[in-house]
N, C-alpha and C. Protein backbone atom coordinates (compact mmCIF):
# COMPACT_ATOMS: atom_id res chain seq x y z
N MET A 1 105.28 58.71 255.50
CA MET A 1 105.76 59.14 256.80
C MET A 1 107.27 59.29 256.82
N ASP A 2 107.98 58.35 256.17
CA ASP A 2 109.44 58.43 256.17
C ASP A 2 109.93 59.68 255.45
N HIS A 3 109.23 60.11 254.42
CA HIS A 3 109.63 61.33 253.70
C HIS A 3 109.42 62.56 254.58
N GLU A 4 108.32 62.59 255.31
CA GLU A 4 108.04 63.73 256.20
C GLU A 4 109.10 63.83 257.29
N MET A 5 109.45 62.70 257.89
CA MET A 5 110.46 62.70 258.96
C MET A 5 111.84 63.07 258.40
N SER A 6 112.15 62.59 257.21
CA SER A 6 113.43 62.94 256.59
C SER A 6 113.51 64.44 256.32
N SER A 7 112.40 65.04 255.91
CA SER A 7 112.42 66.49 255.64
C SER A 7 112.64 67.26 256.94
N LEU A 8 112.07 66.79 258.04
CA LEU A 8 112.29 67.46 259.33
C LEU A 8 113.75 67.34 259.78
N LEU A 9 114.33 66.16 259.57
CA LEU A 9 115.74 65.97 259.91
C LEU A 9 116.63 66.86 259.05
N GLY A 10 116.32 66.93 257.76
CA GLY A 10 117.09 67.78 256.85
C GLY A 10 117.00 69.25 257.24
N ARG A 11 115.81 69.68 257.59
CA ARG A 11 115.62 71.08 258.00
C ARG A 11 116.40 71.37 259.28
N ALA A 12 116.31 70.49 260.26
CA ALA A 12 117.04 70.70 261.52
C ALA A 12 118.54 70.73 261.28
N ALA A 13 119.04 69.80 260.49
CA ALA A 13 120.47 69.75 260.21
C ALA A 13 120.94 70.99 259.47
N SER A 14 120.14 71.47 258.52
CA SER A 14 120.56 72.65 257.75
C SER A 14 120.58 73.89 258.63
N PHE A 15 119.62 74.02 259.52
CA PHE A 15 119.56 75.20 260.37
C PHE A 15 120.67 75.17 261.43
N LEU A 16 120.95 74.01 261.97
CA LEU A 16 121.96 73.89 263.02
C LEU A 16 123.38 73.79 262.48
N TYR A 17 123.51 73.72 261.17
CA TYR A 17 124.81 73.54 260.54
C TYR A 17 125.87 74.48 261.10
N GLY A 18 125.56 75.74 261.24
CA GLY A 18 126.55 76.70 261.71
C GLY A 18 126.45 77.06 263.17
N ALA A 19 125.64 76.35 263.91
CA ALA A 19 125.45 76.68 265.34
C ALA A 19 126.68 76.26 266.15
N PRO A 20 127.10 77.11 267.07
CA PRO A 20 128.24 76.75 267.92
C PRO A 20 127.91 75.51 268.76
N ASN A 21 128.90 74.73 269.03
CA ASN A 21 128.79 73.54 269.90
C ASN A 21 128.01 72.39 269.29
N CYS A 22 127.70 72.46 267.99
CA CYS A 22 127.00 71.35 267.35
C CYS A 22 127.96 70.35 266.72
N SER A 23 129.21 70.77 266.58
CA SER A 23 130.21 69.91 265.98
C SER A 23 131.58 70.30 266.50
N HIS A 24 132.47 69.35 266.56
CA HIS A 24 133.83 69.69 266.96
C HIS A 24 134.64 70.23 265.78
N PHE A 25 134.07 70.19 264.57
CA PHE A 25 134.75 70.75 263.40
C PHE A 25 134.47 72.25 263.34
N PRO A 26 135.48 73.05 263.03
CA PRO A 26 135.25 74.49 262.93
C PRO A 26 134.42 74.80 261.68
N LEU A 27 133.61 75.83 261.77
CA LEU A 27 132.80 76.26 260.64
C LEU A 27 133.73 76.85 259.58
N LEU A 28 133.56 76.44 258.35
CA LEU A 28 134.38 76.96 257.27
C LEU A 28 134.03 78.42 256.99
N GLU A 29 135.03 79.21 256.72
CA GLU A 29 134.82 80.62 256.43
C GLU A 29 133.87 80.76 255.24
N GLY A 30 132.92 81.67 255.37
CA GLY A 30 131.94 81.90 254.32
C GLY A 30 130.73 80.98 254.38
N SER A 31 130.72 80.06 255.33
CA SER A 31 129.59 79.14 255.45
C SER A 31 128.36 79.87 255.95
N GLN A 32 127.23 79.40 255.53
CA GLN A 32 125.95 79.97 255.97
C GLN A 32 124.90 78.87 255.93
N ILE A 33 123.72 79.19 256.38
CA ILE A 33 122.63 78.22 256.30
C ILE A 33 122.42 77.90 254.82
N PRO A 34 122.42 76.62 254.46
CA PRO A 34 122.33 76.26 253.05
C PRO A 34 120.91 76.40 252.49
N TYR A 35 120.83 76.34 251.19
CA TYR A 35 119.53 76.30 250.51
C TYR A 35 118.86 74.98 250.89
N LEU A 36 117.55 75.03 251.07
CA LEU A 36 116.80 73.83 251.40
C LEU A 36 115.54 73.79 250.55
N TYR A 37 115.35 72.68 249.87
CA TYR A 37 114.17 72.48 249.02
C TYR A 37 113.48 71.19 249.42
N TYR A 38 112.16 71.21 249.36
CA TYR A 38 111.36 70.01 249.61
C TYR A 38 110.87 69.49 248.26
N CYS A 39 111.01 68.20 248.08
CA CYS A 39 110.53 67.55 246.86
C CYS A 39 109.00 67.51 246.88
N ASP A 40 108.43 67.59 245.73
CA ASP A 40 106.98 67.54 245.59
C ASP A 40 106.44 66.18 246.04
N ALA A 41 105.29 66.20 246.64
CA ALA A 41 104.63 64.95 247.04
C ALA A 41 103.73 64.45 245.91
N LEU A 42 103.63 63.14 245.80
CA LEU A 42 102.74 62.55 244.80
C LEU A 42 101.33 63.06 245.05
N GLU A 43 100.63 63.36 244.01
CA GLU A 43 99.29 63.97 244.04
C GLU A 43 99.34 65.44 244.41
N ALA A 44 100.53 65.99 244.64
CA ALA A 44 100.71 67.42 244.92
C ALA A 44 99.91 67.88 246.14
N LYS A 45 99.84 67.02 247.15
CA LYS A 45 99.11 67.35 248.38
C LYS A 45 100.04 67.28 249.57
N ASP A 46 99.87 68.22 250.52
CA ASP A 46 100.64 68.15 251.75
C ASP A 46 100.00 67.14 252.69
N PRO A 47 100.57 66.88 253.87
CA PRO A 47 100.01 65.86 254.76
C PRO A 47 98.55 66.10 255.17
N LEU A 48 98.09 67.34 255.07
CA LEU A 48 96.71 67.64 255.44
C LEU A 48 95.78 67.68 254.24
N GLY A 49 96.30 67.36 253.06
CA GLY A 49 95.48 67.31 251.86
C GLY A 49 95.41 68.63 251.10
N ASN A 50 96.16 69.63 251.54
CA ASN A 50 96.17 70.91 250.84
C ASN A 50 97.08 70.82 249.62
N ARG A 51 96.69 71.50 248.57
CA ARG A 51 97.50 71.50 247.35
C ARG A 51 98.83 72.20 247.59
N ILE A 52 99.91 71.56 247.15
CA ILE A 52 101.25 72.14 247.28
C ILE A 52 101.45 73.16 246.17
N GLN A 53 101.91 74.33 246.54
CA GLN A 53 102.20 75.38 245.57
C GLN A 53 103.73 75.47 245.42
N PRO A 54 104.27 74.95 244.34
CA PRO A 54 105.73 74.94 244.17
C PRO A 54 106.31 76.35 244.05
N THR A 55 107.56 76.48 244.46
CA THR A 55 108.31 77.71 244.22
C THR A 55 109.19 77.53 243.00
N THR A 56 109.50 76.28 242.65
CA THR A 56 110.46 76.01 241.58
C THR A 56 110.03 74.78 240.79
N TYR A 57 110.14 74.89 239.48
CA TYR A 57 109.89 73.76 238.59
C TYR A 57 111.16 73.46 237.81
N VAL A 58 111.37 72.17 237.52
CA VAL A 58 112.48 71.76 236.67
C VAL A 58 111.90 70.90 235.55
N ASP A 59 112.16 71.29 234.31
CA ASP A 59 111.71 70.55 233.14
C ASP A 59 112.50 69.24 233.07
N ILE A 60 111.81 68.11 233.15
CA ILE A 60 112.47 66.81 233.08
C ILE A 60 112.06 66.03 231.84
N THR A 61 111.50 66.72 230.86
CA THR A 61 111.00 66.05 229.66
C THR A 61 112.04 65.12 229.06
N ASP A 62 113.26 65.61 228.89
CA ASP A 62 114.30 64.80 228.25
C ASP A 62 114.82 63.68 229.13
N GLU A 63 114.53 63.72 230.42
CA GLU A 63 115.04 62.71 231.36
C GLU A 63 113.95 61.78 231.90
N LEU A 64 112.72 61.95 231.44
CA LEU A 64 111.61 61.18 232.01
C LEU A 64 111.79 59.67 231.87
N GLU A 65 112.22 59.21 230.72
CA GLU A 65 112.39 57.77 230.54
C GLU A 65 113.53 57.22 231.40
N LYS A 66 114.58 57.99 231.57
CA LYS A 66 115.69 57.58 232.45
C LYS A 66 115.19 57.51 233.89
N LYS A 67 114.35 58.47 234.29
CA LYS A 67 113.78 58.46 235.64
C LYS A 67 112.92 57.21 235.83
N ALA A 68 112.10 56.88 234.84
CA ALA A 68 111.25 55.69 234.93
C ALA A 68 112.09 54.42 235.01
N GLU A 69 113.16 54.39 234.23
CA GLU A 69 114.07 53.24 234.24
C GLU A 69 114.70 53.06 235.63
N MET A 70 115.14 54.15 236.22
CA MET A 70 115.75 54.07 237.56
C MET A 70 114.71 53.69 238.62
N LEU A 71 113.53 54.27 238.53
CA LEU A 71 112.47 53.97 239.50
C LEU A 71 112.07 52.50 239.43
N ALA A 72 112.08 51.94 238.24
CA ALA A 72 111.73 50.52 238.07
C ALA A 72 112.71 49.60 238.79
N CYS A 73 113.91 50.08 239.08
CA CYS A 73 114.91 49.28 239.80
C CYS A 73 114.64 49.22 241.30
N HIS A 74 113.73 50.01 241.78
CA HIS A 74 113.46 50.13 243.22
C HIS A 74 112.45 49.06 243.64
N ASP A 75 112.90 47.80 243.65
CA ASP A 75 112.02 46.66 243.91
C ASP A 75 111.31 46.74 245.25
N SER A 76 112.02 47.16 246.31
CA SER A 76 111.40 47.18 247.63
C SER A 76 110.26 48.20 247.68
N GLN A 77 110.40 49.31 246.97
CA GLN A 77 109.33 50.31 246.93
C GLN A 77 108.10 49.73 246.23
N ARG A 78 108.34 49.05 245.13
CA ARG A 78 107.23 48.46 244.39
C ARG A 78 106.46 47.47 245.25
N GLN A 79 107.17 46.57 245.92
CA GLN A 79 106.51 45.57 246.75
C GLN A 79 105.79 46.22 247.93
N TRP A 80 106.43 47.24 248.53
CA TRP A 80 105.80 47.91 249.67
C TRP A 80 104.51 48.60 249.24
N LEU A 81 104.53 49.29 248.11
CA LEU A 81 103.31 49.95 247.62
C LEU A 81 102.22 48.92 247.31
N LEU A 82 102.61 47.82 246.77
CA LEU A 82 101.64 46.76 246.48
C LEU A 82 101.03 46.23 247.77
N ASP A 83 101.87 45.95 248.76
CA ASP A 83 101.38 45.42 250.03
C ASP A 83 100.59 46.45 250.84
N HIS A 84 101.08 47.66 250.92
CA HIS A 84 100.48 48.68 251.79
C HIS A 84 99.33 49.43 251.14
N HIS A 85 99.50 49.81 249.85
CA HIS A 85 98.50 50.62 249.17
C HIS A 85 97.57 49.80 248.27
N GLY A 86 97.98 48.56 247.99
CA GLY A 86 97.17 47.73 247.11
C GLY A 86 97.28 48.15 245.66
N ILE A 87 98.35 48.86 245.29
CA ILE A 87 98.52 49.28 243.90
C ILE A 87 99.88 48.82 243.40
N ASP A 88 99.95 48.63 242.11
CA ASP A 88 101.20 48.23 241.48
C ASP A 88 101.35 49.03 240.19
N GLU A 89 101.30 50.34 240.35
CA GLU A 89 101.39 51.17 239.17
C GLU A 89 102.18 52.44 239.43
N TYR A 90 103.20 52.33 240.24
CA TYR A 90 103.94 53.52 240.65
C TYR A 90 104.66 54.19 239.49
N LEU A 91 105.04 53.46 238.45
CA LEU A 91 105.66 54.09 237.29
C LEU A 91 104.65 54.96 236.54
N ASN A 92 103.44 54.46 236.39
CA ASN A 92 102.40 55.25 235.74
C ASN A 92 102.03 56.47 236.59
N ALA A 93 102.01 56.30 237.91
CA ALA A 93 101.70 57.42 238.80
C ALA A 93 102.77 58.51 238.67
N MET A 94 104.04 58.10 238.59
CA MET A 94 105.13 59.06 238.42
C MET A 94 104.97 59.81 237.11
N ARG A 95 104.64 59.10 236.05
CA ARG A 95 104.47 59.75 234.74
C ARG A 95 103.29 60.73 234.76
N ARG A 96 102.19 60.32 235.37
CA ARG A 96 101.02 61.22 235.46
C ARG A 96 101.38 62.49 236.24
N HIS A 97 102.09 62.31 237.34
CA HIS A 97 102.47 63.45 238.17
C HIS A 97 103.41 64.39 237.41
N ALA A 98 104.39 63.83 236.73
CA ALA A 98 105.32 64.65 235.95
C ALA A 98 104.59 65.40 234.83
N ALA A 99 103.62 64.75 234.21
CA ALA A 99 102.84 65.41 233.15
C ALA A 99 101.98 66.53 233.74
N MET A 100 101.39 66.29 234.90
CA MET A 100 100.56 67.31 235.55
C MET A 100 101.40 68.54 235.89
N ARG A 101 102.57 68.33 236.49
CA ARG A 101 103.44 69.46 236.84
C ARG A 101 104.00 70.10 235.56
N GLY A 102 104.27 69.31 234.55
CA GLY A 102 104.73 69.86 233.28
C GLY A 102 103.71 70.77 232.64
N GLU A 103 102.45 70.35 232.68
CA GLU A 103 101.37 71.16 232.11
C GLU A 103 101.31 72.54 232.76
N GLU A 104 101.63 72.61 234.04
CA GLU A 104 101.58 73.89 234.75
C GLU A 104 102.60 74.90 234.23
N ILE A 105 103.67 74.41 233.59
CA ILE A 105 104.68 75.34 233.07
C ILE A 105 104.86 75.21 231.56
N GLY A 106 103.97 74.47 230.90
CA GLY A 106 103.99 74.39 229.45
C GLY A 106 105.04 73.47 228.85
N VAL A 107 105.41 72.40 229.58
CA VAL A 107 106.33 71.39 229.05
C VAL A 107 105.69 70.02 229.23
N ALA A 108 106.29 69.01 228.64
CA ALA A 108 105.71 67.67 228.72
C ALA A 108 105.81 67.04 230.11
N ALA A 109 106.90 67.31 230.83
CA ALA A 109 107.11 66.70 232.14
C ALA A 109 107.97 67.60 233.01
N ALA A 110 107.62 67.70 234.28
CA ALA A 110 108.40 68.54 235.21
C ALA A 110 108.37 67.95 236.60
N GLU A 111 109.36 68.35 237.39
CA GLU A 111 109.37 68.09 238.83
C GLU A 111 109.20 69.43 239.51
N ALA A 112 108.57 69.41 240.67
CA ALA A 112 108.30 70.64 241.40
C ALA A 112 108.92 70.56 242.79
N PHE A 113 109.35 71.71 243.29
CA PHE A 113 110.00 71.80 244.59
C PHE A 113 109.46 73.03 245.33
N VAL A 114 109.54 72.97 246.65
CA VAL A 114 109.20 74.13 247.48
C VAL A 114 110.46 74.51 248.24
N GLN A 115 110.85 75.76 248.09
CA GLN A 115 112.04 76.24 248.79
C GLN A 115 111.67 76.70 250.19
N HIS A 116 112.46 76.26 251.15
CA HIS A 116 112.28 76.71 252.54
C HIS A 116 112.88 78.11 252.64
N ARG A 117 112.04 79.07 252.97
CA ARG A 117 112.48 80.47 253.02
C ARG A 117 112.22 81.08 254.39
N GLY A 118 112.24 80.25 255.41
CA GLY A 118 112.04 80.74 256.77
C GLY A 118 113.21 81.60 257.23
N HIS A 119 113.14 82.07 258.45
CA HIS A 119 114.15 82.94 259.04
C HIS A 119 115.56 82.42 258.80
N ALA A 120 116.41 83.27 258.29
CA ALA A 120 117.84 83.05 258.08
C ALA A 120 118.18 82.18 256.87
N TYR A 121 117.19 81.62 256.20
CA TYR A 121 117.46 80.82 255.01
C TYR A 121 117.61 81.74 253.80
N PRO A 122 118.39 81.31 252.79
CA PRO A 122 118.52 82.12 251.57
C PRO A 122 117.16 82.37 250.93
N GLN A 123 116.98 83.56 250.41
CA GLN A 123 115.71 83.94 249.82
C GLN A 123 115.72 83.86 248.29
N ASP A 124 116.92 83.88 247.69
CA ASP A 124 116.98 83.74 246.24
C ASP A 124 116.85 82.26 245.88
N ASP A 125 116.43 81.97 244.67
CA ASP A 125 116.15 80.60 244.26
C ASP A 125 117.30 80.04 243.44
N LEU A 126 118.26 79.42 244.12
CA LEU A 126 119.44 78.86 243.47
C LEU A 126 119.06 77.75 242.49
N LEU A 127 118.14 76.89 242.85
CA LEU A 127 117.74 75.79 241.98
C LEU A 127 117.20 76.34 240.66
N LYS A 128 116.39 77.37 240.73
CA LYS A 128 115.83 77.98 239.51
C LYS A 128 116.96 78.54 238.65
N GLU A 129 117.93 79.18 239.29
CA GLU A 129 119.08 79.72 238.54
C GLU A 129 119.87 78.62 237.87
N LEU A 130 120.09 77.52 238.58
CA LEU A 130 120.89 76.43 238.03
C LEU A 130 120.23 75.72 236.85
N PHE A 131 118.90 75.66 236.85
CA PHE A 131 118.19 74.93 235.79
C PHE A 131 117.53 75.83 234.77
N SER A 132 117.83 77.10 234.78
CA SER A 132 117.26 78.02 233.78
C SER A 132 118.13 78.08 232.55
């Protein structure tokens, strides 16, 4: 739930970024609605259980162990998942998910993102350009 609410806040903030009267700071010349990407959900399902179709993949094969190492430091997440979900295997779940997304693009491990391309948002895929 916290991830869903954070995505809504991010979307609202990105869209209102250049709106008049939203800030006392003047809009910087050349500013526009920024690129907005949603991180993939575990199990690749949206809140209604529909499969998420990514717009962008990033090969993380070389960084997978570093990601696991950093995730292992997130003690409160581990305890919360154990208490709330009754599972204590979030590192294995992350690895399975990365392997599943990696298989979709022919690499060992990947992360997937969905670009917000609604009205007035950039239509080109900057993330794909940066990681190609």
